[in-house]
Amino acid sequence: MKRAACVASQAAVSINQNISETPMTQKTAIFPEGRHALYEKHGYSAAIQSKDLLFVSGQVGSLQDGSAEIDFKQQVALAFENLRQTLAAAGCTFDDVIDVTTFHTDPENQLASVLSVKDDIFKAPPYPAWTAVGVTWLAGFDFEIKVIARLPNAVSESQD
């Protein structure tokens, strides 16, 4: 029994050494046109491209000055529009989205509005994977959406 534990421990050390010796993956920050300063002010990127994937930060229904749209359904629509602009900055569309996470301050009362906007964007299968999370605070907003997308050029290049 001690021998098996020792072998397992040596394997874990070997795996950890291999991970630490692996160079960092190349990553590129992506910003939608005209909104770079807003992200710089808060110290994060709108999206990060890593190989053939695009990881988009949470998008909210913010107006050009960063303040929240008051009307909830319009806030959701604006969050999707801000997401569209971020995707476009990387050469993606909503068709490239593979995973969606949404955050809601009042899911039970907001879901119908969110679904009506979402259904106008993701109209046909295959739909992206989607996780909806209820939260108590979103910095003055009531809805946030973050996604992972596959870069279309990377997909076609890998299939050649």
Protein backbone atom coordinates (compact mmCIF):
# COMPACT_ATOMS: atom_id res chain seq x y z
CA MET A 1 0.00 0.00 0.00
CA LYS A 2 2.85 2.39 0.84
CA ARG A 3 4.48 1.63 -2.54
CA ALA A 4 1.27 2.58 -4.44
CA ALA A 5 1.03 5.86 -2.51
CA CYS A 6 4.68 6.62 -3.27
CA VAL A 7 4.23 5.92 -7.00
CA ALA A 8 1.10 8.11 -7.08
CA SER A 9 2.97 10.88 -5.27
CA GLN A 10 5.89 10.66 -7.74
CA ALA A 11 3.43 10.82 -10.67
CA ALA A 12 1.82 13.95 -9.22
CA VAL A 13 5.22 15.60 -8.82
CA SER A 14 6.09 14.68 -12.41
CA ILE A 15 2.81 16.14 -13.71
CA ASN A 16 3.32 19.34 -11.71
CA GLN A 17 6.87 19.70 -13.06
CA ASN A 18 5.60 19.29 -16.64
CA ILE A 19 2.92 21.93 -16.09
CA SER A 20 5.40 24.41 -14.61
CA GLU A 21 7.82 23.84 -17.50
CA THR A 22 5.12 24.50 -20.14
CA PRO A 23 5.42 28.03 -21.56
CA MET A 24 2.51 30.42 -21.05
CA THR A 25 -0.05 30.37 -23.83
CA GLN A 26 0.10 33.37 -26.14
CA LYS A 27 -2.78 35.73 -25.45
CA THR A 28 -4.00 38.91 -27.10
CA ALA A 29 -6.26 41.57 -25.57
CA ILE A 30 -9.30 42.53 -27.66
CA PHE A 31 -11.22 45.81 -27.26
CA PRO A 32 -14.31 47.04 -29.10
CA GLU A 33 -13.88 50.32 -30.94
CA GLY A 34 -14.30 53.40 -28.76
CA ARG A 35 -14.42 51.57 -25.41
CA HIS A 36 -10.74 50.88 -24.68
CA ALA A 37 -10.50 53.68 -22.08
CA LEU A 38 -13.39 52.25 -20.06
CA TYR A 39 -11.57 48.91 -19.72
CA GLU A 40 -8.21 50.57 -19.03
CA LYS A 41 -9.81 52.61 -16.24
CA HIS A 42 -10.91 49.40 -14.50
CA GLY A 43 -7.83 47.32 -15.37
CA TYR A 44 -9.18 44.47 -17.46
CA SER A 45 -9.66 43.45 -21.09
CA ALA A 46 -12.96 43.20 -22.94
CA ALA A 47 -11.77 39.85 -24.28
CA ILE A 48 -8.69 37.67 -24.47
CA GLN A 49 -7.83 35.63 -27.53
CA SER A 50 -5.88 32.47 -26.77
CA LYS A 51 -5.18 30.20 -29.72
CA ASP A 52 -8.56 29.53 -31.39
CA LEU A 53 -10.70 30.67 -28.44
CA LEU A 54 -12.01 34.07 -27.41
CA PHE A 55 -12.83 34.60 -23.72
CA VAL A 56 -15.13 37.61 -23.40
CA SER A 57 -15.42 39.44 -20.07
CA GLY A 58 -18.85 40.07 -18.66
CA GLN A 59 -20.74 42.59 -20.79
CA VAL A 60 -23.39 44.78 -19.22
CA GLY A 61 -25.98 47.16 -20.58
CA SER A 62 -23.75 50.20 -20.19
CA LEU A 63 -24.18 53.40 -22.10
CA GLN A 64 -21.16 54.99 -23.81
CA ASP A 65 -20.20 56.77 -20.55
CA GLY A 66 -20.31 53.48 -18.59
CA SER A 67 -23.58 54.17 -16.76
CA ALA A 68 -26.40 51.63 -16.65
CA GLU A 69 -29.37 51.65 -19.02
CA ILE A 70 -32.38 52.03 -16.70
CA ASP A 71 -35.01 49.96 -18.57
CA PHE A 72 -34.26 46.27 -17.88
CA LYS A 73 -35.11 44.84 -21.31
CA GLN A 74 -33.13 47.65 -22.97
CA GLN A 75 -30.26 46.94 -20.56
CA VAL A 76 -30.23 43.31 -21.70
CA ALA A 77 -30.40 44.34 -25.38
CA LEU A 78 -27.54 46.80 -24.83
CA ALA A 79 -25.46 44.11 -23.08
CA PHE A 80 -25.91 41.88 -26.13
CA GLU A 81 -25.00 44.82 -28.41
CA ASN A 82 -21.85 45.50 -26.38
CA LEU A 83 -21.09 41.78 -26.64
CA ARG A 84 -21.64 41.89 -30.41
CA GLN A 85 -19.15 44.76 -30.71
CA THR A 86 -16.55 42.89 -28.65
CA LEU A 87 -17.02 39.72 -30.71
CA ALA A 88 -16.73 41.76 -33.94
CA ALA A 89 -13.46 43.30 -32.75
CA ALA A 90 -12.03 39.76 -32.79
CA GLY A 91 -13.66 38.81 -36.12
CA CYS A 92 -16.43 36.76 -34.49
CA THR A 93 -20.22 36.80 -34.59
CA PHE A 94 -22.85 35.28 -32.31
CA ASP A 95 -22.63 32.14 -34.49
CA ASP A 96 -19.13 31.56 -33.07
CA VAL A 97 -20.29 31.57 -29.43
CA ILE A 98 -20.01 28.12 -27.82
CA ASP A 99 -20.59 28.90 -24.13
CA VAL A 100 -22.71 31.58 -22.40
CA THR A 101 -22.91 32.52 -18.73
CA THR A 102 -25.46 35.11 -17.66
CA PHE A 103 -25.81 36.78 -14.28
CA HIS A 104 -29.19 38.06 -13.03
CA THR A 105 -30.10 40.10 -9.95
CA ASP A 106 -33.73 38.86 -9.99
CA PRO A 107 -33.81 35.74 -12.20
CA GLU A 108 -37.40 34.77 -11.51
CA ASN A 109 -38.77 38.12 -12.66
CA GLN A 110 -36.16 38.83 -15.36
CA LEU A 111 -35.92 35.55 -17.23
CA ALA A 112 -38.75 36.20 -19.70
CA SER A 113 -37.16 39.49 -20.82
CA VAL A 114 -33.73 37.88 -21.11
CA LEU A 115 -35.09 34.97 -23.14
CA SER A 116 -36.92 37.27 -25.57
CA VAL A 117 -33.68 39.13 -26.34
CA LYS A 118 -31.59 35.95 -26.39
CA ASP A 119 -34.03 34.20 -28.74
CA ASP A 120 -33.65 37.04 -31.27
CA ILE A 121 -29.89 36.41 -31.32
CA PHE A 122 -29.53 32.64 -31.01
CA LYS A 123 -32.31 31.66 -33.42
CA ALA A 124 -31.44 28.11 -34.46
CA PRO A 125 -29.63 25.03 -33.17
CA PRO A 126 -27.04 24.22 -32.27
CA TYR A 127 -27.48 26.70 -29.43
CA PRO A 128 -24.49 27.54 -27.25
CA ALA A 129 -24.20 25.99 -23.82
CA TRP A 130 -25.81 28.38 -21.31
CA THR A 131 -25.56 28.76 -17.55
CA ALA A 132 -27.71 31.35 -15.77
CA VAL A 133 -26.62 32.47 -12.30
CA GLY A 134 -28.61 34.50 -9.77
CA VAL A 135 -26.52 37.12 -7.97
CA THR A 136 -27.16 39.89 -5.47
CA TRP A 137 -24.95 42.60 -6.96
CA LEU A 138 -23.66 43.62 -10.40
CA ALA A 139 -22.17 47.09 -9.74
CA GLY A 140 -25.37 48.96 -10.52
CA PHE A 141 -26.50 46.67 -13.34
CA ASP A 142 -29.14 43.94 -13.32
CA PHE A 143 -27.78 41.70 -16.09
CA GLU A 144 -24.35 40.59 -17.28
CA ILE A 145 -23.29 38.15 -20.01
CA LYS A 146 -19.92 36.54 -20.62
CA VAL A 147 -19.10 34.10 -23.38
CA ILE A 148 -16.48 31.87 -24.91
CA ALA A 149 -16.32 31.86 -28.70
CA ARG A 150 -14.27 29.93 -31.23
CA LEU A 151 -12.48 32.17 -33.71
CA PRO A 152 -13.83 31.35 -37.18
CA ASN A 153 -10.48 31.72 -39.00
CA ALA A 154 -8.78 29.42 -36.52
CA VAL A 155 -11.47 26.77 -37.10
CA SER A 156 -11.07 26.80 -40.89
CA GLU A 157 -7.28 26.78 -40.63
CA SER A 158 -7.31 23.75 -38.30
CA GLN A 159 -9.57 21.83 -40.71
CA ASP A 160 -7.24 22.33 -43.69
